[in-house]
């Protein structure tokens, strides 16, 4: 269950938004910022008030920027 406690920045409550993007990442380096070699999956847009269980598959490699 996501709540305002999981907001990524202070003062940015999830409840302020009608839709959100849900991202899950496996980090090879252990760092929170996506880096080449990490894997991720995302769902967007997701209604903020959805009661359903969401299924997110981590199946996308994070590519190098450039």
N, C-alpha and C. Protein backbone atom coordinates (compact mmCIF):
# COMPACT_ATOMS: atom_id res chain seq x y z
N UNK A 1 0.84 -1.17 0.00
CA UNK A 1 0.00 0.00 0.00
C UNK A 1 0.89 1.24 0.00
N UNK A 2 0.64 2.14 -0.92
CA UNK A 2 1.39 3.39 -0.98
C UNK A 2 0.60 4.47 -0.25
N UNK A 3 1.33 5.34 0.43
CA UNK A 3 0.71 6.46 1.13
C UNK A 3 1.63 7.67 1.01
N UNK A 4 1.24 8.76 1.62
CA UNK A 4 2.08 9.97 1.60
C UNK A 4 3.44 9.72 2.24
N UNK A 5 3.56 8.70 3.06
CA UNK A 5 4.85 8.37 3.69
C UNK A 5 5.89 7.93 2.67
N UNK A 6 5.47 7.45 1.49
CA UNK A 6 6.42 6.97 0.48
C UNK A 6 6.79 8.04 -0.56
N UNK A 7 6.38 9.27 -0.37
CA UNK A 7 6.71 10.33 -1.32
C UNK A 7 8.22 10.47 -1.42
N UNK A 8 8.70 10.77 -2.63
CA UNK A 8 10.14 10.86 -2.88
C UNK A 8 10.78 12.16 -2.40
N UNK A 9 9.98 13.18 -2.15
CA UNK A 9 10.52 14.47 -1.72
C UNK A 9 9.66 15.02 -0.58
N UNK A 10 10.29 15.67 0.38
CA UNK A 10 9.52 16.27 1.47
C UNK A 10 8.49 17.26 0.94
N UNK A 11 7.28 17.19 1.46
CA UNK A 11 6.23 18.11 1.04
C UNK A 11 5.50 17.72 -0.22
N UNK A 12 5.95 16.67 -0.89
CA UNK A 12 5.30 16.19 -2.11
C UNK A 12 4.50 14.94 -1.76
N UNK A 13 3.27 15.12 -1.34
CA UNK A 13 2.43 14.01 -0.92
C UNK A 13 1.81 13.32 -2.13
N UNK A 14 1.80 11.99 -2.11
CA UNK A 14 1.18 11.23 -3.20
C UNK A 14 -0.29 11.58 -3.35
N UNK A 15 -0.95 11.90 -2.26
CA UNK A 15 -2.38 12.21 -2.31
C UNK A 15 -2.69 13.49 -3.09
N UNK A 16 -1.69 14.28 -3.42
CA UNK A 16 -1.89 15.50 -4.20
C UNK A 16 -2.12 15.22 -5.68
N UNK A 17 -1.84 14.01 -6.11
CA UNK A 17 -1.87 13.69 -7.54
C UNK A 17 -2.96 12.68 -7.86
N UNK A 18 -3.61 12.86 -9.01
CA UNK A 18 -4.64 11.92 -9.45
C UNK A 18 -4.03 10.63 -10.00
N UNK A 19 -2.85 10.76 -10.61
CA UNK A 19 -2.16 9.61 -11.19
C UNK A 19 -0.69 9.64 -10.78
N UNK A 20 -0.10 8.46 -10.71
CA UNK A 20 1.32 8.35 -10.36
C UNK A 20 1.98 7.35 -11.30
N UNK A 21 3.29 7.34 -11.32
CA UNK A 21 4.09 6.34 -11.99
C UNK A 21 4.73 5.47 -10.93
N UNK A 22 4.56 4.16 -11.04
CA UNK A 22 5.14 3.22 -10.09
C UNK A 22 6.37 2.59 -10.76
N UNK A 23 7.54 2.72 -10.12
CA UNK A 23 8.79 2.21 -10.66
C UNK A 23 9.44 1.32 -9.61
N UNK A 24 9.94 0.18 -10.05
CA UNK A 24 10.75 -0.68 -9.19
C UNK A 24 12.05 -0.95 -9.93
N UNK A 25 13.16 -0.92 -9.20
CA UNK A 25 14.47 -1.06 -9.84
C UNK A 25 15.35 -1.99 -9.02
N UNK A 26 16.13 -2.79 -9.72
CA UNK A 26 17.18 -3.58 -9.09
C UNK A 26 18.49 -2.89 -9.45
N UNK A 27 19.21 -2.43 -8.43
CA UNK A 27 20.42 -1.66 -8.63
C UNK A 27 21.65 -2.53 -8.41
N UNK A 28 22.51 -2.58 -9.40
CA UNK A 28 23.76 -3.34 -9.26
C UNK A 28 24.70 -2.67 -8.27
N UNK A 29 24.67 -1.33 -8.21
CA UNK A 29 25.60 -0.59 -7.36
C UNK A 29 25.04 -0.32 -5.97
N UNK A 30 23.73 -0.51 -5.80
CA UNK A 30 23.10 -0.19 -4.52
C UNK A 30 22.71 1.27 -4.39
N UNK A 31 22.90 2.06 -5.45
CA UNK A 31 22.56 3.48 -5.42
C UNK A 31 21.10 3.67 -5.83
N UNK A 32 20.42 4.70 -5.28
CA UNK A 32 19.01 4.91 -5.59
C UNK A 32 18.74 5.51 -6.97
N UNK A 33 19.73 6.11 -7.59
CA UNK A 33 19.56 6.73 -8.90
C UNK A 33 19.85 5.69 -9.97
N UNK A 34 19.00 5.61 -10.99
CA UNK A 34 19.17 4.64 -12.07
C UNK A 34 20.52 4.83 -12.76
N UNK A 35 21.20 3.70 -12.97
CA UNK A 35 22.50 3.71 -13.64
C UNK A 35 22.53 2.58 -14.66
N UNK A 36 23.36 2.73 -15.72
CA UNK A 36 23.48 1.65 -16.69
C UNK A 36 23.82 0.34 -15.98
N UNK A 37 23.17 -0.74 -16.41
CA UNK A 37 23.37 -2.04 -15.79
C UNK A 37 22.28 -2.40 -14.80
N UNK A 38 21.52 -1.40 -14.34
CA UNK A 38 20.37 -1.67 -13.47
C UNK A 38 19.23 -2.21 -14.33
N UNK A 39 18.26 -2.84 -13.67
CA UNK A 39 17.04 -3.30 -14.33
C UNK A 39 15.86 -2.65 -13.65
N UNK A 40 14.82 -2.33 -14.43
CA UNK A 40 13.65 -1.69 -13.85
C UNK A 40 12.38 -2.08 -14.58
N UNK A 41 11.29 -1.78 -13.95
CA UNK A 41 9.97 -1.94 -14.53
C UNK A 41 9.14 -0.76 -14.09
N UNK A 42 8.15 -0.38 -14.89
CA UNK A 42 7.30 0.73 -14.49
C UNK A 42 5.89 0.54 -15.00
N UNK A 43 4.99 1.15 -14.26
CA UNK A 43 3.58 1.21 -14.63
C UNK A 43 3.18 2.68 -14.63
N UNK A 44 2.56 3.12 -15.72
CA UNK A 44 2.08 4.50 -15.78
C UNK A 44 0.99 4.64 -16.81
N UNK A 45 0.08 5.49 -16.63
CA UNK A 45 -0.28 6.13 -15.37
C UNK A 45 -1.10 5.16 -14.51
N UNK A 46 -0.97 5.31 -13.22
CA UNK A 46 -1.74 4.52 -12.26
C UNK A 46 -2.61 5.48 -11.48
N UNK A 47 -3.90 5.23 -11.45
CA UNK A 47 -4.81 6.08 -10.67
C UNK A 47 -4.42 6.01 -9.20
N UNK A 48 -4.34 7.15 -8.58
CA UNK A 48 -3.88 7.24 -7.19
C UNK A 48 -4.81 6.52 -6.22
N UNK A 49 -6.05 6.37 -6.55
CA UNK A 49 -7.02 5.77 -5.63
C UNK A 49 -7.39 4.33 -6.00
N UNK A 50 -6.57 3.66 -6.79
CA UNK A 50 -6.88 2.30 -7.21
C UNK A 50 -6.73 1.34 -6.02
N UNK A 51 -7.68 0.42 -5.88
CA UNK A 51 -7.63 -0.56 -4.79
C UNK A 51 -7.15 -1.92 -5.28
N UNK A 52 -6.94 -2.06 -6.57
CA UNK A 52 -6.51 -3.33 -7.14
C UNK A 52 -5.04 -3.60 -6.81
N UNK A 53 -4.68 -4.88 -6.85
CA UNK A 53 -3.28 -5.26 -6.74
C UNK A 53 -2.65 -5.05 -8.10
N UNK A 54 -1.53 -4.37 -8.14
CA UNK A 54 -0.84 -4.11 -9.40
C UNK A 54 0.27 -5.13 -9.60
N UNK A 55 0.52 -5.48 -10.85
CA UNK A 55 1.63 -6.39 -11.16
C UNK A 55 2.63 -5.61 -11.98
N UNK A 56 3.83 -5.49 -11.46
CA UNK A 56 4.91 -4.77 -12.13
C UNK A 56 6.01 -5.78 -12.39
N UNK A 57 6.46 -5.85 -13.63
CA UNK A 57 7.53 -6.77 -14.01
C UNK A 57 8.80 -5.97 -14.25
N UNK A 58 9.87 -6.36 -13.59
CA UNK A 58 11.17 -5.72 -13.80
C UNK A 58 11.81 -6.42 -14.98
N UNK A 59 11.75 -5.75 -16.16
CA UNK A 59 12.20 -6.40 -17.39
C UNK A 59 12.89 -5.45 -18.36
N UNK A 60 13.27 -4.27 -17.90
CA UNK A 60 13.88 -3.28 -18.79
C UNK A 60 15.27 -2.91 -18.28
N UNK A 61 16.31 -3.12 -19.10
CA UNK A 61 17.63 -2.67 -18.67
C UNK A 61 17.71 -1.15 -18.74
N UNK A 62 18.40 -0.56 -17.80
CA UNK A 62 18.63 0.89 -17.81
C UNK A 62 19.81 1.13 -18.75
N UNK A 63 19.59 1.91 -19.78
CA UNK A 63 20.61 2.18 -20.79
C UNK A 63 21.45 3.38 -20.39
N UNK A 64 22.64 3.45 -20.95
CA UNK A 64 23.52 4.60 -20.74
C UNK A 64 22.91 5.82 -21.41
N UNK A 65 23.02 6.97 -20.75
CA UNK A 65 22.53 8.22 -21.34
C UNK A 65 23.50 8.67 -22.41
N UNK A 66 22.96 9.34 -23.38
CA UNK A 66 23.87 9.86 -24.38
C UNK A 66 23.26 9.88 -25.67
